[in-house]
Amino acid sequence: MAGGWAKDGAVQEQIDASVDEAVARAKSKIPTGKSAHYCESCDAPIPEARRIAVPGVQMCINCQSEEEKNTVAQSTINRRGSKDSQLR
């Protein structure tokens, strides 16, 4: 049951939209194409098992982990949160 001016199901629609955006963002970051033999960041060799497991991989595990840590740190803002959650 929605309250105020919101229609019924508005909260679920907001959750669904957030999940859909996150899935689309994750899918857009999946590498495709030919895998590199050497890391684009540090020039370390990328093991064949990793190149097979992750098609289109361009970074070694260490550099990829650092890249993902930096990406997560930058995207912690909840733009769809309520005013109350943003005031905390």
C-alpha atoms as a PDB file:
ATOM      1  CA  MET A   1       0.000   0.000   0.000  1.00  0.00           C
ATOM      2  CA  ALA A   2       1.479   3.326  -1.040  1.00  0.00           C
ATOM      3  CA  GLY A   3       1.053   6.413   1.042  1.00  0.00           C
ATOM      4  CA  GLY A   4       0.638  10.046   0.071  1.00  0.00           C
ATOM      5  CA  TRP A   5       0.770  10.794  -3.637  1.00  0.00           C
ATOM      6  CA  ALA A   6       2.652   7.619  -4.579  1.00  0.00           C
ATOM      7  CA  LYS A   7       0.736   4.985  -6.492  1.00  0.00           C
ATOM      8  CA  ASP A   8       0.481   1.377  -5.309  1.00  0.00           C
ATOM      9  CA  GLY A   9       3.631  -0.570  -6.077  1.00  0.00           C
ATOM     10  CA  ALA A  10       5.817   2.536  -6.366  1.00  0.00           C
ATOM     11  CA  VAL A  11       8.366   1.218  -3.894  1.00  0.00           C
ATOM     12  CA  GLN A  12       8.721  -2.070  -5.767  1.00  0.00           C
ATOM     13  CA  GLU A  13       9.071  -0.175  -9.059  1.00  0.00           C
ATOM     14  CA  GLN A  14      11.884   1.878  -7.523  1.00  0.00           C
ATOM     15  CA  ILE A  15      13.629  -1.292  -6.303  1.00  0.00           C
ATOM     16  CA  ASP A  16      13.204  -2.952  -9.704  1.00  0.00           C
ATOM     17  CA  ALA A  17      14.604   0.112 -11.480  1.00  0.00           C
ATOM     18  CA  SER A  18      17.635   0.183  -9.181  1.00  0.00           C
ATOM     19  CA  VAL A  19      18.299  -3.517  -9.757  1.00  0.00           C
ATOM     20  CA  ASP A  20      17.857  -3.158 -13.531  1.00  0.00           C
ATOM     21  CA  GLU A  21      20.320  -0.247 -13.608  1.00  0.00           C
ATOM     22  CA  ALA A  22      22.882  -2.191 -11.562  1.00  0.00           C
ATOM     23  CA  VAL A  23      22.564  -5.251 -13.817  1.00  0.00           C
ATOM     24  CA  ALA A  24      22.922  -3.134 -16.959  1.00  0.00           C
ATOM     25  CA  ARG A  25      25.990  -1.389 -15.496  1.00  0.00           C
ATOM     26  CA  ALA A  26      27.566  -4.732 -14.570  1.00  0.00           C
ATOM     27  CA  LYS A  27      26.847  -6.218 -18.009  1.00  0.00           C
ATOM     28  CA  SER A  28      28.409  -3.212 -19.728  1.00  0.00           C
ATOM     29  CA  LYS A  29      31.655  -3.795 -17.825  1.00  0.00           C
ATOM     30  CA  ILE A  30      32.003  -7.439 -18.853  1.00  0.00           C
ATOM     31  CA  PRO A  31      34.942  -7.627 -21.233  1.00  0.00           C
ATOM     32  CA  THR A  32      34.360  -9.107 -24.663  1.00  0.00           C
ATOM     33  CA  GLY A  33      36.560  -9.987 -27.589  1.00  0.00           C
ATOM     34  CA  LYS A  34      40.099 -11.294 -27.563  1.00  0.00           C
ATOM     35  CA  SER A  35      41.896 -11.616 -24.235  1.00  0.00           C
ATOM     36  CA  ALA A  36      45.230  -9.894 -23.766  1.00  0.00           C
ATOM     37  CA  HIS A  37      48.322 -11.960 -23.014  1.00  0.00           C
ATOM     38  CA  TYR A  38      49.796  -9.199 -20.829  1.00  0.00           C
ATOM     39  CA  CYS A  39      48.089  -6.884 -18.328  1.00  0.00           C
ATOM     40  CA  GLU A  40      47.337  -3.449 -19.769  1.00  0.00           C
ATOM     41  CA  SER A  41      48.227  -1.830 -16.432  1.00  0.00           C
ATOM     42  CA  CYS A  42      51.381  -3.585 -15.235  1.00  0.00           C
ATOM     43  CA  ASP A  43      52.485  -5.722 -18.233  1.00  0.00           C
ATOM     44  CA  ALA A  44      52.435  -8.904 -16.116  1.00  0.00           C
ATOM     45  CA  PRO A  45      51.558 -12.058 -18.077  1.00  0.00           C
ATOM     46  CA  ILE A  46      47.905 -13.099 -17.795  1.00  0.00           C
ATOM     47  CA  PRO A  47      47.643 -16.871 -17.177  1.00  0.00           C
ATOM     48  CA  GLU A  48      45.971 -18.909 -19.908  1.00  0.00           C
ATOM     49  CA  ALA A  49      43.374 -20.242 -17.453  1.00  0.00           C
ATOM     50  CA  ARG A  50      42.247 -16.661 -16.699  1.00  0.00           C
ATOM     51  CA  ARG A  51      42.136 -15.771 -20.420  1.00  0.00           C
ATOM     52  CA  ILE A  52      39.894 -18.783 -21.035  1.00  0.00           C
ATOM     53  CA  ALA A  53      37.683 -18.218 -17.981  1.00  0.00           C
ATOM     54  CA  VAL A  54      37.165 -14.486 -18.652  1.00  0.00           C
ATOM     55  CA  PRO A  55      36.875 -13.831 -22.405  1.00  0.00           C
ATOM     56  CA  GLY A  56      38.221 -10.404 -23.309  1.00  0.00           C
ATOM     57  CA  VAL A  57      40.187  -9.994 -20.090  1.00  0.00           C
ATOM     58  CA  GLN A  58      42.695  -7.138 -20.251  1.00  0.00           C
ATOM     59  CA  MET A  59      44.123  -7.053 -16.714  1.00  0.00           C
ATOM     60  CA  CYS A  60      45.804  -9.442 -14.302  1.00  0.00           C
ATOM     61  CA  ILE A  61      43.919 -10.402 -11.151  1.00  0.00           C
ATOM     62  CA  ASN A  62      45.759  -7.896  -8.935  1.00  0.00           C
ATOM     63  CA  CYS A  63      45.165  -4.916 -11.227  1.00  0.00           C
ATOM     64  CA  GLN A  64      41.539  -5.927 -11.831  1.00  0.00           C
ATOM     65  CA  SER A  65      40.952  -6.155  -8.066  1.00  0.00           C
ATOM     66  CA  GLU A  66      42.370  -2.663  -7.547  1.00  0.00           C
ATOM     67  CA  GLU A  67      40.263  -1.298 -10.404  1.00  0.00           C
ATOM     68  CA  GLU A  68      37.098  -2.787  -8.880  1.00  0.00           C
ATOM     69  CA  LYS A  69      37.928  -1.405  -5.420  1.00  0.00           C
ATOM     70  CA  ASN A  70      38.269   2.081  -6.883  1.00  0.00           C
ATOM     71  CA  THR A  71      35.020   1.744  -8.844  1.00  0.00           C
ATOM     72  CA  VAL A  72      33.040   0.631  -5.780  1.00  0.00           C
ATOM     73  CA  ALA A  73      34.461   3.445  -3.652  1.00  0.00           C
ATOM     74  CA  GLN A  74      33.253   6.035  -6.160  1.00  0.00           C
ATOM     75  CA  SER A  75      29.704   4.707  -6.544  1.00  0.00           C
ATOM     76  CA  THR A  76      28.410   4.625  -2.975  1.00  0.00           C
ATOM     77  CA  ILE A  77      25.906   7.482  -3.353  1.00  0.00           C
ATOM     78  CA  ASN A  78      22.286   6.393  -3.073  1.00  0.00           C
ATOM     79  CA  ARG A  79      20.641   8.784  -5.516  1.00  0.00           C
ATOM     80  CA  ARG A  80      17.242   7.159  -5.086  1.00  0.00           C
ATOM     81  CA  GLY A  81      17.240   7.140  -1.295  1.00  0.00           C
ATOM     82  CA  SER A  82      14.705   8.986   0.757  1.00  0.00           C
ATOM     83  CA  LYS A  83      15.519  12.402   2.201  1.00  0.00           C
ATOM     84  CA  ASP A  84      15.709  10.842   5.649  1.00  0.00           C
ATOM     85  CA  SER A  85      18.369   8.322   4.592  1.00  0.00           C
ATOM     86  CA  GLN A  86      20.455  11.096   2.998  1.00  0.00           C
ATOM     87  CA  LEU A  87      20.372  13.216   6.151  1.00  0.00           C
ATOM     88  CA  ARG A  88      22.049  10.544   8.284  1.00  0.00           C
END
